[in-house]
Protein backbone atom coordinates (compact mmCIF):
# COMPACT_ATOMS: atom_id res chain seq x y z
CA MET A 1 -0.01 -0.02 0.01
CA THR A 2 1.36 3.45 -0.93
CA LEU A 3 2.28 5.63 2.00
CA ASN A 4 0.54 8.99 1.76
CA ARG A 5 2.90 11.87 2.49
CA ARG A 6 0.54 13.62 4.88
CA SER A 7 -0.56 10.43 6.53
CA PHE A 8 3.12 9.66 7.19
CA LEU A 9 3.73 13.10 8.64
CA SER A 10 0.59 12.86 10.75
CA THR A 11 1.63 9.56 12.29
CA ALA A 12 5.15 10.76 12.95
CA ALA A 13 4.09 14.00 14.45
CA MET A 14 1.91 12.57 17.23
CA GLY A 15 4.91 12.21 19.51
CA ALA A 16 6.02 15.84 19.18
CA ALA A 17 3.74 17.55 21.74
CA GLY A 18 5.38 20.09 23.91
CA ILE A 19 8.17 21.07 21.56
CA GLY A 20 8.69 24.86 21.33
CA LEU A 21 7.50 26.67 18.18
CA ALA A 22 8.82 30.14 18.69
CA ALA A 23 10.76 31.89 15.96
CA ALA A 24 11.92 35.39 15.27
CA ILE A 25 9.68 37.09 12.70
CA PRO A 26 11.73 38.60 9.87
CA ASP A 27 11.49 42.30 9.03
CA TYR A 28 10.03 41.75 5.59
CA LEU A 29 6.72 40.53 7.05
CA PHE A 30 6.11 44.14 8.21
CA ALA A 31 6.36 45.70 4.79
CA ALA A 32 3.48 47.81 3.47
CA ASP A 33 0.35 45.85 2.44
CA THR A 34 0.77 44.89 -1.20
CA LYS A 35 -2.68 43.26 -1.71
CA ASP A 36 -4.16 44.15 -5.08
CA LYS A 37 -7.93 44.58 -4.77
CA ASP A 38 -8.18 43.73 -8.43
CA ALA A 39 -6.14 40.50 -8.18
CA PHE A 40 -7.28 37.61 -10.39
CA PHE A 41 -7.56 35.31 -7.40
CA LYS A 42 -8.75 34.99 -3.82
CA ILE A 43 -6.59 33.82 -0.92
CA ALA A 44 -7.41 30.79 1.31
CA LEU A 45 -5.43 28.96 3.98
CA SER A 46 -4.66 25.28 3.93
CA GLN A 47 -5.19 23.92 7.44
CA PHE A 48 -2.02 21.91 6.98
CA SER A 49 -0.08 25.17 7.36
CA LEU A 50 -0.82 24.98 11.10
CA ALA A 51 -0.12 21.25 11.44
CA SER A 52 2.34 21.60 14.28
CA GLN A 53 -0.22 23.49 16.33
CA PHE A 54 -2.97 20.94 15.77
CA TRP A 55 -0.68 17.94 16.50
CA THR A 56 0.64 19.46 19.69
CA LYS A 57 -2.91 20.32 20.77
CA LYS A 58 -2.11 24.06 20.94
CA LEU A 59 -4.90 24.74 18.47
CA ASP A 60 -8.33 23.12 18.42
CA PRO A 61 -9.71 22.35 14.91
CA LEU A 62 -12.84 24.29 15.83
CA ASP A 63 -10.74 27.44 16.27
CA PHE A 64 -9.34 27.27 12.71
CA PRO A 65 -11.85 29.77 11.25
CA ALA A 66 -11.27 32.38 13.95
CA LYS A 67 -7.50 32.15 13.84
CA THR A 68 -7.38 32.26 10.07
CA LYS A 69 -9.54 35.43 9.94
CA LYS A 70 -8.18 37.27 12.95
CA ASP A 71 -4.44 36.39 12.78
CA PHE A 72 -3.98 36.34 9.00
CA GLY A 73 -6.87 38.31 7.54
CA ILE A 74 -7.82 35.29 5.35
CA THR A 75 -11.40 34.08 4.84
CA GLY A 76 -11.03 31.00 2.66
CA LEU A 77 -10.83 27.78 4.62
CA ASP A 78 -9.11 24.72 3.12
CA TYR A 79 -9.77 21.96 5.62
CA CYS A 80 -7.67 18.77 6.23
CA SER A 81 -9.68 15.68 7.21
CA MET A 82 -6.76 14.35 9.26
CA PHE A 83 -7.25 17.03 11.95
CA PHE A 84 -10.82 15.87 12.61
CA ALA A 85 -10.61 12.33 11.20
CA ASP A 86 -13.15 10.89 13.59
CA LYS A 87 -15.67 13.70 13.15
CA ALA A 88 -16.94 13.16 9.61
CA LYS A 89 -20.31 11.91 10.89
CA ASP A 90 -20.32 14.00 14.12
CA MET A 91 -23.13 16.48 13.41
CA GLN A 92 -22.53 18.39 16.68
CA PHE A 93 -18.87 19.01 15.71
CA LEU A 94 -19.73 19.85 12.08
CA GLY A 95 -22.50 22.16 13.21
CA GLU A 96 -20.22 24.05 15.48
CA LEU A 97 -17.50 24.29 12.88
CA LYS A 98 -20.02 25.62 10.36
CA LYS A 99 -21.26 28.19 12.89
CA ARG A 100 -17.84 29.38 13.77
CA SER A 101 -16.95 29.76 10.12
CA ALA A 102 -20.04 31.84 9.50
CA ASP A 103 -19.53 33.87 12.62
CA ASN A 104 -16.07 34.87 11.34
CA GLY A 105 -17.26 35.66 7.82
CA CYS A 106 -15.26 32.74 6.36
CA TYR A 107 -15.95 30.55 3.30
CA ASN A 108 -15.71 26.78 3.58
CA LEU A 109 -13.75 25.96 0.43
CA ARG A 110 -12.99 22.27 0.56
CA ILE A 111 -12.03 19.28 2.65
CA MET A 112 -8.75 17.60 1.72
CA VAL A 113 -9.23 13.91 2.40
CA ASP A 114 -6.31 11.71 3.41
CA GLY A 115 -5.98 8.26 5.00
CA GLU A 116 -9.11 6.71 3.56
CA GLY A 117 -7.57 4.16 1.21
CA VAL A 118 -5.85 4.10 -2.20
CA LEU A 119 -8.06 5.24 -5.05
CA GLY A 120 -5.59 4.03 -7.62
CA GLU A 121 -5.49 0.54 -6.12
CA LEU A 122 -5.60 -2.20 -8.81
CA ASP A 123 -7.51 -4.65 -6.65
CA THR A 124 -11.15 -3.97 -7.26
CA ALA A 125 -12.39 -5.01 -3.85
CA GLU A 126 -9.80 -2.94 -2.02
CA ARG A 127 -10.46 0.06 -4.30
CA THR A 128 -14.23 -0.21 -3.65
CA LYS A 129 -13.57 -0.05 0.08
CA ALA A 130 -11.47 3.12 -0.45
CA ILE A 131 -14.18 4.69 -2.53
CA GLU A 132 -16.86 4.00 0.04
CA LYS A 133 -14.72 5.40 2.85
CA HIS A 134 -14.66 8.74 1.02
CA TYR A 135 -18.45 9.03 0.88
CA LYS A 136 -18.74 10.28 4.46
CA TRP A 137 -16.45 13.19 3.59
CA ILE A 138 -18.62 14.15 0.65
CA ASP A 139 -21.56 14.21 3.04
CA ALA A 140 -19.52 16.29 5.55
CA ALA A 141 -18.49 18.71 2.80
CA ALA A 142 -22.14 19.13 1.74
CA TYR A 143 -23.20 19.89 5.27
CA LEU A 144 -20.48 22.48 5.71
CA GLY A 145 -21.25 24.09 2.37
CA CYS A 146 -17.90 23.13 0.80
CA PRO A 147 -18.31 22.85 -2.97
CA MET A 148 -15.66 20.13 -3.30
CA ILE A 149 -13.42 17.60 -1.62
CA ARG A 150 -9.78 16.86 -2.58
CA VAL A 151 -8.70 13.20 -2.96
CA ASN A 152 -5.54 11.38 -3.83
CA VAL A 153 -5.23 8.93 -6.78
CA GLU A 154 -1.85 7.29 -6.21
CA GLY A 155 -1.38 3.53 -6.70
CA GLU A 156 1.22 0.85 -7.38
CA GLY A 157 1.48 -0.74 -10.81
CA LYS A 158 1.88 0.26 -14.46
CA PRO A 159 0.92 3.99 -14.97
CA GLU A 160 -1.75 3.14 -17.44
CA GLU A 161 -3.37 0.56 -15.14
CA VAL A 162 -3.27 2.88 -12.15
CA ALA A 163 -4.77 5.57 -14.36
CA LYS A 164 -7.75 3.31 -15.23
CA ALA A 165 -8.26 2.45 -11.57
CA ALA A 166 -8.09 6.13 -10.58
CA GLU A 167 -10.58 7.08 -13.29
CA ASP A 168 -13.02 4.39 -12.08
CA SER A 169 -12.73 5.72 -8.49
CA LEU A 170 -13.27 9.31 -9.55
CA ARG A 171 -16.35 8.49 -11.61
CA LYS A 172 -17.95 6.60 -8.69
CA LEU A 173 -17.17 9.49 -6.32
CA LEU A 174 -18.55 11.99 -8.78
CA GLU A 175 -21.72 9.97 -9.11
CA TYR A 176 -22.14 10.00 -5.26
CA GLY A 177 -21.23 13.65 -5.08
CA SER A 178 -23.59 14.79 -7.83
CA SER A 179 -26.72 14.50 -5.72
CA ARG A 180 -24.99 16.47 -2.96
CA LYS A 181 -23.55 19.15 -5.25
CA VAL A 182 -19.99 18.34 -4.21
CA ASP A 183 -17.21 18.20 -6.82
CA VAL A 184 -14.22 15.90 -6.57
CA ILE A 185 -10.71 17.25 -7.33
CA VAL A 186 -7.27 15.65 -7.28
CA GLU A 187 -4.01 17.07 -5.99
CA ASN A 188 -0.59 16.19 -7.33
CA HIS A 189 0.47 14.72 -4.03
CA VAL A 190 2.44 11.47 -4.01
CA GLY A 191 3.95 8.98 -6.39
CA ILE A 192 2.59 8.82 -9.92
CA SER A 193 0.14 11.71 -9.26
CA CYS A 194 3.19 14.03 -9.05
CA ASN A 195 3.64 13.50 -12.79
CA GLY A 196 1.73 16.46 -14.26
CA ALA A 197 1.10 14.84 -17.66
CA TRP A 198 -0.20 11.62 -16.05
CA LEU A 199 -2.58 13.44 -13.71
CA ALA A 200 -3.84 15.79 -16.40
CA GLY A 201 -4.48 12.67 -18.56
CA VAL A 202 -6.56 11.09 -15.85
CA ILE A 203 -8.72 14.23 -15.42
CA LYS A 204 -9.12 14.59 -19.20
CA SER A 205 -10.26 10.99 -19.46
CA VAL A 206 -12.85 11.40 -16.69
CA ASN A 207 -14.17 14.33 -18.69
CA SER A 208 -16.47 15.95 -16.08
CA LYS A 209 -16.86 19.63 -15.26
CA HIS A 210 -17.20 18.50 -11.66
CA CYS A 211 -13.73 16.93 -11.54
CA GLY A 212 -10.48 18.84 -11.71
CA THR A 213 -7.09 19.37 -10.12
CA LEU A 214 -5.72 21.04 -7.01
CA ALA A 215 -2.37 22.18 -8.50
CA ASP A 216 0.33 22.24 -5.82
CA PHE A 217 3.54 24.24 -6.46
CA GLY A 218 5.80 21.81 -4.63
CA ASN A 219 4.53 18.20 -4.95
CA PHE A 220 6.45 16.95 -7.99
CA CYS A 221 8.81 14.35 -6.54
CA ILE A 222 8.07 11.21 -8.56
CA ASN A 223 10.82 9.08 -6.99
CA ARG A 224 12.04 9.43 -3.39
CA THR A 225 14.30 7.30 -1.17
CA LYS A 226 12.53 5.29 1.52
CA PRO A 227 12.73 6.49 5.08
CA GLU A 228 14.74 4.27 7.40
CA ALA A 229 12.01 4.50 10.04
CA GLN A 230 8.44 5.71 10.43
CA THR A 231 9.45 9.06 11.98
CA ILE A 232 9.51 12.62 10.73
CA GLU A 233 13.28 12.76 11.33
CA ALA A 234 13.76 9.83 8.99
CA TYR A 235 11.50 11.34 6.44
CA MET A 236 13.39 14.62 6.51
CA LYS A 237 16.57 12.71 5.64
CA THR A 238 15.07 11.23 2.50
CA LYS A 239 16.08 12.55 -0.87
CA CYS A 240 14.12 13.15 -4.02
CA LEU A 241 15.79 11.01 -6.68
CA GLU A 242 13.67 12.31 -9.53
CA GLU A 243 11.61 15.43 -9.72
CA TYR A 244 9.07 16.33 -12.40
CA ASP A 245 9.54 19.91 -13.71
CA ARG A 246 7.23 21.95 -11.48
CA TYR A 247 6.59 24.70 -13.97
CA LYS A 248 5.74 22.22 -16.75
CA GLY A 249 3.58 20.34 -14.23
CA ILE A 250 1.63 23.38 -13.17
CA ALA A 251 1.11 24.36 -16.79
CA GLU A 252 -0.31 20.91 -17.48
CA LEU A 253 -2.60 20.98 -14.46
CA MET A 254 -3.98 24.50 -14.73
CA PRO A 255 -6.48 23.77 -17.59
CA TYR A 256 -8.27 21.54 -15.09
CA ALA A 257 -7.55 23.49 -11.89
CA LYS A 258 -10.31 24.15 -9.40
CA GLY A 259 -7.75 25.30 -6.83
CA VAL A 260 -4.08 25.98 -6.28
CA HIS A 261 -1.69 25.39 -3.38
CA ALA A 262 1.02 28.03 -3.07
CA LYS A 263 3.49 25.73 -1.31
CA THR A 264 6.39 27.20 0.69
CA HIS A 265 9.12 26.01 3.08
CA LYS A 266 11.86 28.66 3.28
CA PHE A 267 12.36 32.29 2.24
CA ASP A 268 15.30 34.42 1.31
CA ALA A 269 16.13 37.88 2.82
CA ASP A 270 13.73 39.56 0.39
CA GLY A 271 10.83 37.27 1.25
CA ASN A 272 10.96 35.18 -1.90
CA ASP A 273 10.56 31.37 -1.75
CA THR A 274 13.84 29.60 -2.14
CA GLU A 275 12.46 26.66 -4.02
CA THR A 276 9.84 28.09 -6.42
CA ASP A 277 9.83 31.15 -8.65
CA PHE A 278 6.42 32.54 -7.63
CA ALA A 279 6.40 35.17 -10.30
CA LYS A 280 6.81 32.50 -12.97
CA MET A 281 4.11 30.32 -11.37
CA PHE A 282 1.64 33.18 -11.13
CA GLY A 283 2.32 34.05 -14.76
CA ILE A 284 1.43 30.47 -15.75
CA MET A 285 -1.76 30.62 -13.67
CA LYS A 286 -2.92 33.95 -15.03
CA LYS A 287 -2.21 32.84 -18.60
CA SER A 288 -4.42 29.79 -18.04
CA GLY A 289 -7.35 32.03 -17.14
CA PHE A 290 -7.58 30.77 -13.57
CA ASN A 291 -9.49 33.12 -11.22
CA GLY A 292 -10.32 30.99 -8.20
CA TRP A 293 -8.86 30.42 -4.78
CA ILE A 294 -5.15 30.13 -4.11
CA SER A 295 -4.53 28.39 -0.79
CA ILE A 296 -1.42 29.22 1.21
CA GLU A 297 0.26 25.94 2.29
CA TYR A 298 3.29 26.59 4.45
CA GLU A 299 5.03 23.42 5.63
CA GLY A 300 8.19 24.79 7.28
CA GLY A 301 6.52 25.08 10.67
CA LEU A 302 6.28 21.30 10.90
CA PHE A 303 10.06 21.00 10.37
CA LYS A 304 10.59 23.83 12.83
CA MET A 305 8.73 21.85 15.45
CA TYR A 306 11.31 19.05 15.20
CA ALA A 307 14.31 21.23 14.73
CA PRO A 308 13.84 24.53 16.67
CA ASP A 309 17.28 25.88 15.65
CA SER A 310 16.59 25.34 11.95
CA PRO A 311 16.06 28.26 9.57
CA TYR A 312 12.41 27.46 9.11
CA LEU A 313 9.84 30.00 10.37
CA ASP A 314 7.11 28.83 12.75
CA ASP A 315 3.54 28.27 11.44
CA ASP A 316 2.26 31.83 11.89
CA ALA A 317 5.28 33.61 10.60
CA GLY A 318 5.48 31.27 7.62
CA VAL A 319 1.84 31.85 6.72
CA LEU A 320 2.31 35.61 6.94
CA ALA A 321 5.48 35.38 4.82
CA THR A 322 3.64 33.35 2.15
CA LYS A 323 0.67 35.69 2.20
CA LYS A 324 2.96 38.70 1.65
CA LEU A 325 4.70 36.92 -1.22
CA VAL A 326 1.40 35.87 -2.81
CA GLU A 327 0.07 39.40 -2.61
CA LYS A 328 3.28 40.81 -4.02
CA VAL A 329 3.55 38.56 -7.05
CA GLY A 330 -0.18 38.64 -7.57
CA LYS A 331 -0.10 42.43 -7.98
CA LEU A 332 2.65 42.18 -10.56
CA ALA A 333 1.30 39.24 -12.55
């Protein structure tokens, strides 16, 4: 069974409670507001950006809407199922989450679903189980008012066989979601799905206006060394052996994009991301005609949790740095 990247991190992070998260906030975060009111996109926040705070119990999932609005001035909410994995059918929890979102003037954008089985699984019986495990999240999304869920379509086998399995899963999920008015989108996330051409081919084959991509700036490693142990430290020591060209990948995924993840880890002295040319990425997005939600997904805080002396910013500082960068390049695009 393929190990999902976020599921791996979630499992590894459970033992990290109590580790300090403080970090000095760099001067560039206090630059003048560069938000362009006429920007071609809206800004949301991926809940995964605050992973270290959820896993150390410093932040309750129900407080995500208030924190996102008050601390970051962001109203779009991009939920992660892993932070309330046992609450998909808990109407009291979902009702309270919906209320707090509304109270803070937020918009429930999507639920990113992880850990519910492999939708590109070649074994039909196992794949059916995975499909059915996703149904409850479609129901939860409908209740919250989210117009879509995000799923993963990785799998082991020949690319063309995994593609057919993934397409079958997506069609069945779309059929279930149609009566609930919930779309199903796919992120380039792990394994074969990090190949932009392959994922674009899957979405093209499904051929539904209710199916699309969640194009992530950073998830393009198609071959990585295996971790020596099931720990975040071990995962951090792994190396990407083969990476798909991220700019080519984003260009391939944008025609089907119903969302974008502006992924960041580190920044230089000028506040630019050290791994991705944001100006180039935003140029690709604008050229594609995309005008939807761009979700900030800062992952450096999780690494900071395990290595307090590392150059990563903590969650909050990283989110603010990414927001500043998104606003800056968005204004110039």
